[in-house]
Amino acid sequence: MPAKNGPQGSHFPSHRERNQEKKLPNLDDEFAKDLGLASLEELKQKVRENLQKNKSPDPKKEVEEQIYQSLVDNHKFSIPRRSWMNACAP
């Protein structure tokens, strides 16, 4: 009878299980279709667009960040515990 480890009989992966490589899907039209797109070319275009959108900074967002940073740097104030707790609640 095999020995069990711990109260629940924990299983430690064998050498073969640890060294198995995960197989990545082929990057082809079928992969793009699984994502709801028509073709691999459309997937590539969407990725390019997303990279460009995330690369170029949003000027409005930058101004907001500067305002928040200025408020934090130039003012000493505390947040009431109740407000802080409500903001952190799930």
C-alpha atoms as a PDB file:
ATOM      1  CA  MET A   1       0.000   0.000   0.000  1.00  0.00           C
ATOM      2  CA  PRO A   2       1.494   3.403  -0.973  1.00  0.00           C
ATOM      3  CA  ALA A   3       2.376   5.749   1.832  1.00  0.00           C
ATOM      4  CA  LYS A   4       0.233   8.845   2.159  1.00  0.00           C
ATOM      5  CA  ASN A   5       1.699  12.219   3.010  1.00  0.00           C
ATOM      6  CA  GLY A   6      -0.246  14.291   5.514  1.00  0.00           C
ATOM      7  CA  PRO A   7      -3.807  13.838   6.714  1.00  0.00           C
ATOM      8  CA  GLN A   8      -5.386  14.216   3.255  1.00  0.00           C
ATOM      9  CA  GLY A   9      -2.848  12.084   1.411  1.00  0.00           C
ATOM     10  CA  SER A  10      -1.142  14.930  -0.438  1.00  0.00           C
ATOM     11  CA  HIS A  11       0.173  14.175  -3.889  1.00  0.00           C
ATOM     12  CA  PHE A  12       3.545  15.504  -4.956  1.00  0.00           C
ATOM     13  CA  PRO A  13       4.088  15.643  -8.717  1.00  0.00           C
ATOM     14  CA  SER A  14       6.518  13.094 -10.096  1.00  0.00           C
ATOM     15  CA  HIS A  15       9.618  14.109 -12.005  1.00  0.00           C
ATOM     16  CA  ARG A  16       7.799  13.431 -15.279  1.00  0.00           C
ATOM     17  CA  GLU A  17       4.794  15.582 -14.297  1.00  0.00           C
ATOM     18  CA  ARG A  18       6.971  18.537 -13.257  1.00  0.00           C
ATOM     19  CA  ASN A  19       8.960  18.532 -16.488  1.00  0.00           C
ATOM     20  CA  GLN A  20       6.035  18.337 -18.888  1.00  0.00           C
ATOM     21  CA  GLU A  21       5.951  21.365 -21.118  1.00  0.00           C
ATOM     22  CA  LYS A  22       2.700  23.192 -21.627  1.00  0.00           C
ATOM     23  CA  LYS A  23       1.728  23.212 -25.262  1.00  0.00           C
ATOM     24  CA  LEU A  24       0.807  26.660 -26.556  1.00  0.00           C
ATOM     25  CA  PRO A  25      -1.906  26.938 -29.199  1.00  0.00           C
ATOM     26  CA  ASN A  26      -0.886  27.552 -32.786  1.00  0.00           C
ATOM     27  CA  LEU A  27      -1.093  31.192 -33.763  1.00  0.00           C
ATOM     28  CA  ASP A  28      -3.369  30.821 -36.780  1.00  0.00           C
ATOM     29  CA  ASP A  29      -6.829  31.671 -38.104  1.00  0.00           C
ATOM     30  CA  GLU A  30      -8.417  29.011 -35.869  1.00  0.00           C
ATOM     31  CA  PHE A  31      -6.906  30.665 -32.791  1.00  0.00           C
ATOM     32  CA  ALA A  32      -8.254  34.054 -33.926  1.00  0.00           C
ATOM     33  CA  LYS A  33     -11.700  32.517 -34.519  1.00  0.00           C
ATOM     34  CA  ASP A  34     -11.656  31.095 -30.981  1.00  0.00           C
ATOM     35  CA  LEU A  35     -11.249  34.709 -29.820  1.00  0.00           C
ATOM     36  CA  GLY A  36     -14.223  35.829 -31.900  1.00  0.00           C
ATOM     37  CA  LEU A  37     -12.253  37.388 -34.756  1.00  0.00           C
ATOM     38  CA  ALA A  38     -12.415  36.565 -38.458  1.00  0.00           C
ATOM     39  CA  SER A  39      -8.727  35.891 -39.106  1.00  0.00           C
ATOM     40  CA  LEU A  40      -5.195  36.015 -37.779  1.00  0.00           C
ATOM     41  CA  GLU A  41      -4.665  39.281 -39.667  1.00  0.00           C
ATOM     42  CA  GLU A  42      -7.598  40.852 -37.803  1.00  0.00           C
ATOM     43  CA  LEU A  43      -6.131  39.642 -34.493  1.00  0.00           C
ATOM     44  CA  LYS A  44      -2.761  41.173 -35.362  1.00  0.00           C
ATOM     45  CA  GLN A  45      -4.431  44.469 -36.274  1.00  0.00           C
ATOM     46  CA  LYS A  46      -6.363  44.535 -32.963  1.00  0.00           C
ATOM     47  CA  VAL A  47      -3.157  43.870 -31.034  1.00  0.00           C
ATOM     48  CA  ARG A  48      -1.380  46.693 -32.900  1.00  0.00           C
ATOM     49  CA  GLU A  49      -4.253  49.086 -32.169  1.00  0.00           C
ATOM     50  CA  ASN A  50      -4.271  48.196 -28.474  1.00  0.00           C
ATOM     51  CA  LEU A  51      -0.513  48.631 -28.212  1.00  0.00           C
ATOM     52  CA  GLN A  52      -0.712  52.040 -29.900  1.00  0.00           C
ATOM     53  CA  LYS A  53      -3.595  53.142 -27.680  1.00  0.00           C
ATOM     54  CA  ASN A  54      -1.752  52.099 -24.523  1.00  0.00           C
ATOM     55  CA  LYS A  55       1.535  53.553 -25.748  1.00  0.00           C
ATOM     56  CA  SER A  56       0.307  57.076 -26.371  1.00  0.00           C
ATOM     57  CA  PRO A  57      -0.469  58.830 -23.086  1.00  0.00           C
ATOM     58  CA  ASP A  58      -3.872  60.373 -22.514  1.00  0.00           C
ATOM     59  CA  PRO A  59      -3.288  64.102 -21.864  1.00  0.00           C
ATOM     60  CA  LYS A  60      -6.410  64.367 -19.692  1.00  0.00           C
ATOM     61  CA  LYS A  61      -5.234  61.453 -17.541  1.00  0.00           C
ATOM     62  CA  GLU A  62      -1.790  63.027 -17.172  1.00  0.00           C
ATOM     63  CA  VAL A  63      -3.322  66.305 -15.939  1.00  0.00           C
ATOM     64  CA  GLU A  64      -5.479  64.396 -13.434  1.00  0.00           C
ATOM     65  CA  GLU A  65      -2.414  62.582 -12.116  1.00  0.00           C
ATOM     66  CA  GLN A  66      -0.526  65.874 -11.734  1.00  0.00           C
ATOM     67  CA  ILE A  67      -3.455  67.404  -9.826  1.00  0.00           C
ATOM     68  CA  TYR A  68      -3.701  64.419  -7.482  1.00  0.00           C
ATOM     69  CA  GLN A  69       0.040  64.415  -6.903  1.00  0.00           C
ATOM     70  CA  SER A  70       0.004  68.152  -6.176  1.00  0.00           C
ATOM     71  CA  LEU A  71      -2.813  67.693  -3.651  1.00  0.00           C
ATOM     72  CA  VAL A  72      -0.943  64.915  -1.898  1.00  0.00           C
ATOM     73  CA  ASP A  73       2.368  66.799  -1.897  1.00  0.00           C
ATOM     74  CA  ASN A  74       1.007  70.173  -0.745  1.00  0.00           C
ATOM     75  CA  HIS A  75      -1.691  69.318   1.766  1.00  0.00           C
ATOM     76  CA  LYS A  76      -1.664  67.516   5.051  1.00  0.00           C
ATOM     77  CA  PHE A  77      -5.013  65.926   5.660  1.00  0.00           C
ATOM     78  CA  SER A  78      -6.304  62.668   6.984  1.00  0.00           C
ATOM     79  CA  ILE A  79      -9.039  60.490   5.634  1.00  0.00           C
ATOM     80  CA  PRO A  80     -11.656  59.513   8.224  1.00  0.00           C
ATOM     81  CA  ARG A  81     -11.346  55.839   9.069  1.00  0.00           C
ATOM     82  CA  ARG A  82     -14.964  55.107   8.117  1.00  0.00           C
ATOM     83  CA  SER A  83     -14.449  56.580   4.625  1.00  0.00           C
ATOM     84  CA  TRP A  84     -11.249  54.627   4.168  1.00  0.00           C
ATOM     85  CA  MET A  85     -12.897  51.395   5.279  1.00  0.00           C
ATOM     86  CA  ASN A  86     -15.841  51.934   2.910  1.00  0.00           C
ATOM     87  CA  ALA A  87     -13.512  52.618  -0.009  1.00  0.00           C
ATOM     88  CA  CYS A  88     -11.583  49.398   0.631  1.00  0.00           C
ATOM     89  CA  ALA A  89     -14.647  47.182   1.070  1.00  0.00           C
ATOM     90  CA  PRO A  90     -15.297  44.715  -1.760  1.00  0.00           C
END
